Amino acid sequence: MEKVIISGVPLKYIEFYLAEIADSIKPGGLYVGPDWEIQVVCMKDKRFRNITIPQTKIIFISDADTLEGLVHRFRMKFMSAGG
């Protein structure tokens, strides 16, 4: 199963987090865990007037149960309440 999200979190923070949880890192931004893979793809930044927001496509690949947990933990890690 696969889930794709687009994140506005800076790439270096995403890479650091995924490196912490992955068993191995393969060329091309592929992070591999025991029963999952996450592919990170850089995209063009989004610009809104004077604000530039980074965009990164993150592709989560795993079975349904593992996938749900991976995506939830990722979102909780980078949740922001402003400020």
Protein backbone atom coordinates (compact mmCIF):
# COMPACT_ATOMS: atom_id res chain seq x y z
CA MET A 1 0.00 0.00 0.00
CA GLU A 2 1.17 3.55 -0.68
CA LYS A 3 0.42 7.00 0.74
CA VAL A 4 1.81 10.24 -0.67
CA ILE A 5 1.97 13.50 1.25
CA ILE A 6 3.45 16.87 0.36
CA SER A 7 5.27 18.45 3.29
CA GLY A 8 6.34 22.05 3.91
CA VAL A 9 8.92 20.94 6.48
CA PRO A 10 12.50 21.75 5.41
CA LEU A 11 14.16 18.76 3.76
CA LYS A 12 17.05 18.58 6.25
CA TYR A 13 14.61 17.99 9.14
CA ILE A 14 12.75 15.28 7.22
CA GLU A 15 16.03 13.55 6.30
CA PHE A 16 17.29 13.70 9.90
CA TYR A 17 14.06 12.18 11.26
CA LEU A 18 13.94 9.41 8.65
CA ALA A 19 17.63 8.57 9.18
CA GLU A 20 16.85 8.08 12.89
CA ILE A 21 14.03 5.58 12.28
CA ALA A 22 15.34 3.77 9.18
CA ASP A 23 17.41 0.59 9.19
CA SER A 24 19.21 1.73 6.03
CA ILE A 25 19.34 4.57 3.54
CA LYS A 26 19.64 3.84 -0.15
CA PRO A 27 20.65 6.23 -2.95
CA GLY A 28 17.99 8.56 -4.29
CA GLY A 29 16.34 9.38 -0.95
CA LEU A 30 15.01 5.91 -0.14
CA TYR A 31 14.74 5.09 3.57
CA VAL A 32 14.14 1.43 4.45
CA GLY A 33 12.74 0.03 7.68
CA PRO A 34 11.93 -3.52 8.73
CA ASP A 35 8.64 -3.65 6.82
CA TRP A 36 8.39 -0.28 5.11
CA GLU A 37 10.04 2.11 2.65
CA ILE A 38 9.83 5.87 2.45
CA GLN A 39 10.90 7.72 -0.69
CA VAL A 40 11.71 11.43 -0.39
CA VAL A 41 11.45 13.60 -3.51
CA CYS A 42 12.41 17.29 -3.58
CA MET A 43 9.94 19.56 -5.30
CA LYS A 44 9.98 23.19 -6.35
CA ASP A 45 9.36 25.60 -3.46
CA LYS A 46 5.91 27.19 -3.29
CA ARG A 47 5.91 30.99 -3.27
CA PHE A 48 3.08 33.10 -1.84
CA ARG A 49 3.90 36.79 -2.25
CA ASN A 50 6.90 37.28 0.11
CA ILE A 51 6.77 33.82 1.67
CA THR A 52 8.57 30.80 0.26
CA ILE A 53 7.56 27.36 1.54
CA PRO A 54 9.67 24.29 0.80
CA GLN A 55 7.86 21.34 -0.70
CA THR A 56 8.89 17.74 -0.37
CA LYS A 57 6.95 14.74 -1.65
CA ILE A 58 7.09 11.83 0.78
CA ILE A 59 5.94 8.42 -0.42
CA PHE A 60 5.22 5.91 2.34
CA ILE A 61 5.10 2.25 1.25
CA SER A 62 4.04 -0.58 3.57
CA ASP A 63 1.13 -2.79 4.59
CA ALA A 64 -2.02 -0.95 5.71
CA ASP A 65 -1.47 -1.21 9.49
CA THR A 66 2.19 -0.18 9.41
CA LEU A 67 1.46 2.59 6.90
CA GLU A 68 -1.13 4.22 9.13
CA GLY A 69 1.29 4.30 12.07
CA LEU A 70 4.20 5.62 9.99
CA VAL A 71 2.18 8.50 8.57
CA HIS A 72 0.67 9.33 11.98
CA ARG A 73 4.10 9.43 13.68
CA PHE A 74 5.51 11.58 10.86
CA ARG A 75 2.66 14.06 11.15
CA MET A 76 2.93 14.20 14.95
CA LYS A 77 6.69 14.78 14.74
CA PHE A 78 6.27 17.81 12.51
CA MET A 79 2.98 19.19 13.81
CA SER A 80 3.16 22.91 14.47
CA ALA A 81 0.84 25.12 16.43
CA GLY A 82 2.45 28.28 15.12
CA GLY A 83 4.83 30.63 16.84
